[in-house]
Amino acid sequence: MKLQMGGKNHFGKAMLATVAFVGLAAFAGTPSALADGDRDCQRRIAKADHKVHEAVEHHGWNSRQADRARHELHDARERCWNERHRWWDEDGHRWRTDRDWDDHDHDRH
């Protein structure tokens, strides 16, 4: 079997194929990274929301533990909003794209 080498033409095609492959590989990871960030935000907010309910149940509505948990929930929502411009509504089980959470949404018990 005899290979014909086209000199620069063969090298150029190989380089183009390599660049195309690297470019596709770089963009292939992007949706996964976005999804990971969404999961992190969702998990963080769900955990903070749960801590509010636990603190209220174990220490009372006006306890410092409940106040701290409400503050952590606010911080988790704020962080997701700043990073992703959306936040997870744990009570509604959906993503919200308006910065319309109510820091007093757990005041109604």
C-alpha atoms as a PDB file:
ATOM      1  CA  MET A   1       0.000   0.000   0.000  1.00  0.00           C
ATOM      2  CA  LYS A   2       1.431   3.327  -1.008  1.00  0.00           C
ATOM      3  CA  LEU A   3       0.380   6.585   0.667  1.00  0.00           C
ATOM      4  CA  GLN A   4       0.504   9.751  -1.308  1.00  0.00           C
ATOM      5  CA  MET A   5       1.671  12.702   0.682  1.00  0.00           C
ATOM      6  CA  GLY A   6       0.480  16.050  -0.464  1.00  0.00           C
ATOM      7  CA  GLY A   7       3.018  18.015   1.552  1.00  0.00           C
ATOM      8  CA  LYS A   8       1.461  21.141   3.019  1.00  0.00           C
ATOM      9  CA  ASN A   9      -2.016  20.107   1.874  1.00  0.00           C
ATOM     10  CA  HIS A  10      -1.933  16.937   3.995  1.00  0.00           C
ATOM     11  CA  PHE A  11      -0.564  18.838   6.993  1.00  0.00           C
ATOM     12  CA  GLY A  12      -3.224  21.552   6.628  1.00  0.00           C
ATOM     13  CA  LYS A  13      -6.054  19.010   6.596  1.00  0.00           C
ATOM     14  CA  ALA A  14      -4.691  17.290   9.682  1.00  0.00           C
ATOM     15  CA  MET A  15      -4.354  20.631  11.473  1.00  0.00           C
ATOM     16  CA  LEU A  16      -7.900  21.638  10.511  1.00  0.00           C
ATOM     17  CA  ALA A  17      -9.278  18.324  11.779  1.00  0.00           C
ATOM     18  CA  THR A  18      -7.387  18.735  15.064  1.00  0.00           C
ATOM     19  CA  VAL A  19      -8.635  22.288  15.584  1.00  0.00           C
ATOM     20  CA  ALA A  20     -12.207  21.233  14.809  1.00  0.00           C
ATOM     21  CA  PHE A  21     -12.007  18.345  17.268  1.00  0.00           C
ATOM     22  CA  VAL A  22     -10.570  20.529  20.050  1.00  0.00           C
ATOM     23  CA  GLY A  23     -13.252  23.157  19.432  1.00  0.00           C
ATOM     24  CA  LEU A  24     -16.060  20.620  19.617  1.00  0.00           C
ATOM     25  CA  ALA A  25     -14.595  19.045  22.739  1.00  0.00           C
ATOM     26  CA  ALA A  26     -14.378  22.440  24.450  1.00  0.00           C
ATOM     27  CA  PHE A  27     -18.035  23.263  23.805  1.00  0.00           C
ATOM     28  CA  ALA A  28     -19.281  19.763  24.616  1.00  0.00           C
ATOM     29  CA  GLY A  29     -18.658  20.325  28.330  1.00  0.00           C
ATOM     30  CA  THR A  30     -20.543  23.611  28.572  1.00  0.00           C
ATOM     31  CA  PRO A  31     -24.129  22.304  29.021  1.00  0.00           C
ATOM     32  CA  SER A  32     -22.931  19.914  31.685  1.00  0.00           C
ATOM     33  CA  ALA A  33     -21.239  22.753  33.560  1.00  0.00           C
ATOM     34  CA  LEU A  34     -24.423  24.801  33.380  1.00  0.00           C
ATOM     35  CA  ALA A  35     -26.487  21.891  34.622  1.00  0.00           C
ATOM     36  CA  ASP A  36     -24.043  21.282  37.478  1.00  0.00           C
ATOM     37  CA  GLY A  37     -24.360  24.909  38.553  1.00  0.00           C
ATOM     38  CA  ASP A  38     -28.149  24.652  38.477  1.00  0.00           C
ATOM     39  CA  ARG A  39     -28.042  21.490  40.576  1.00  0.00           C
ATOM     40  CA  ASP A  40     -25.726  23.184  43.066  1.00  0.00           C
ATOM     41  CA  CYS A  41     -28.086  26.146  43.405  1.00  0.00           C
ATOM     42  CA  GLN A  42     -31.129  23.923  43.704  1.00  0.00           C
ATOM     43  CA  ARG A  43     -29.452  21.742  46.324  1.00  0.00           C
ATOM     44  CA  ARG A  44     -28.183  24.748  48.291  1.00  0.00           C
ATOM     45  CA  ILE A  45     -31.611  26.414  48.400  1.00  0.00           C
ATOM     46  CA  ALA A  46     -33.451  23.176  49.210  1.00  0.00           C
ATOM     47  CA  LYS A  47     -31.057  22.498  52.076  1.00  0.00           C
ATOM     48  CA  ALA A  48     -31.421  26.038  53.451  1.00  0.00           C
ATOM     49  CA  ASP A  49     -35.217  25.838  53.157  1.00  0.00           C
ATOM     50  CA  HIS A  50     -35.197  22.550  55.050  1.00  0.00           C
ATOM     51  CA  LYS A  51     -33.043  24.096  57.783  1.00  0.00           C
ATOM     52  CA  VAL A  52     -35.643  26.840  58.271  1.00  0.00           C
ATOM     53  CA  HIS A  53     -38.361  24.256  58.805  1.00  0.00           C
ATOM     54  CA  GLU A  54     -36.167  22.201  61.138  1.00  0.00           C
ATOM     55  CA  ALA A  55     -35.113  25.227  63.196  1.00  0.00           C
ATOM     56  CA  VAL A  56     -38.700  26.355  63.611  1.00  0.00           C
ATOM     57  CA  GLU A  57     -39.827  22.859  64.557  1.00  0.00           C
ATOM     58  CA  HIS A  58     -37.061  22.303  67.124  1.00  0.00           C
ATOM     59  CA  HIS A  59     -36.437  25.793  68.509  1.00  0.00           C
ATOM     60  CA  GLY A  60     -39.517  27.873  67.777  1.00  0.00           C
ATOM     61  CA  TRP A  61     -40.413  30.548  65.271  1.00  0.00           C
ATOM     62  CA  ASN A  62     -38.693  33.429  67.039  1.00  0.00           C
ATOM     63  CA  SER A  63     -35.539  31.541  67.990  1.00  0.00           C
ATOM     64  CA  ARG A  64     -32.089  32.707  66.964  1.00  0.00           C
ATOM     65  CA  GLN A  65     -31.660  29.347  65.172  1.00  0.00           C
ATOM     66  CA  ALA A  66     -34.709  30.070  63.010  1.00  0.00           C
ATOM     67  CA  ASP A  67     -33.504  33.618  62.325  1.00  0.00           C
ATOM     68  CA  ARG A  68     -30.109  32.271  61.285  1.00  0.00           C
ATOM     69  CA  ALA A  69     -31.713  29.657  59.030  1.00  0.00           C
ATOM     70  CA  ARG A  70     -33.888  32.316  57.356  1.00  0.00           C
ATOM     71  CA  HIS A  71     -30.767  34.414  56.785  1.00  0.00           C
ATOM     72  CA  GLU A  72     -28.982  31.429  55.211  1.00  0.00           C
ATOM     73  CA  LEU A  73     -31.978  30.823  52.933  1.00  0.00           C
ATOM     74  CA  HIS A  74     -31.849  34.455  51.822  1.00  0.00           C
ATOM     75  CA  ASP A  75     -28.104  34.142  51.145  1.00  0.00           C
ATOM     76  CA  ALA A  76     -28.595  30.938  49.128  1.00  0.00           C
ATOM     77  CA  ARG A  77     -31.274  32.569  46.980  1.00  0.00           C
ATOM     78  CA  GLU A  78     -29.165  35.682  46.526  1.00  0.00           C
ATOM     79  CA  ARG A  79     -26.108  33.657  45.519  1.00  0.00           C
ATOM     80  CA  CYS A  80     -28.034  31.711  42.870  1.00  0.00           C
ATOM     81  CA  TRP A  81     -29.553  34.909  41.560  1.00  0.00           C
ATOM     82  CA  ASN A  82     -26.154  36.580  41.283  1.00  0.00           C
ATOM     83  CA  GLU A  83     -24.562  33.551  39.609  1.00  0.00           C
ATOM     84  CA  ARG A  84     -27.398  32.311  37.379  1.00  0.00           C
ATOM     85  CA  HIS A  85     -30.049  35.057  37.273  1.00  0.00           C
ATOM     86  CA  ARG A  86     -32.601  32.570  38.497  1.00  0.00           C
ATOM     87  CA  TRP A  87     -33.386  30.811  41.743  1.00  0.00           C
ATOM     88  CA  TRP A  88     -35.041  27.598  42.861  1.00  0.00           C
ATOM     89  CA  ASP A  89     -38.469  27.900  44.461  1.00  0.00           C
ATOM     90  CA  GLU A  90     -38.451  24.906  46.803  1.00  0.00           C
ATOM     91  CA  ASP A  91     -42.119  25.308  47.749  1.00  0.00           C
ATOM     92  CA  GLY A  92     -43.243  25.551  44.102  1.00  0.00           C
ATOM     93  CA  HIS A  93     -40.620  23.052  42.869  1.00  0.00           C
ATOM     94  CA  ARG A  94     -39.653  25.229  39.923  1.00  0.00           C
ATOM     95  CA  TRP A  95     -37.041  27.666  38.732  1.00  0.00           C
ATOM     96  CA  ARG A  96     -37.949  31.342  38.969  1.00  0.00           C
ATOM     97  CA  THR A  97     -36.436  33.916  36.626  1.00  0.00           C
ATOM     98  CA  ASP A  98     -37.651  36.998  38.474  1.00  0.00           C
ATOM     99  CA  ARG A  99     -35.922  38.193  41.610  1.00  0.00           C
ATOM    100  CA  ASP A 100     -39.244  38.074  43.394  1.00  0.00           C
ATOM    101  CA  TRP A 101     -38.660  35.870  46.411  1.00  0.00           C
ATOM    102  CA  ASP A 102     -40.178  36.963  49.665  1.00  0.00           C
ATOM    103  CA  ASP A 103     -37.800  36.875  52.611  1.00  0.00           C
ATOM    104  CA  HIS A 104     -40.882  36.514  54.788  1.00  0.00           C
ATOM    105  CA  ASP A 105     -42.416  33.615  52.836  1.00  0.00           C
ATOM    106  CA  HIS A 106     -41.831  31.333  55.809  1.00  0.00           C
ATOM    107  CA  ASP A 107     -43.516  33.735  58.220  1.00  0.00           C
ATOM    108  CA  ARG A 108     -46.826  32.071  57.471  1.00  0.00           C
ATOM    109  CA  HIS A 109     -46.717  28.850  59.451  1.00  0.00           C
END
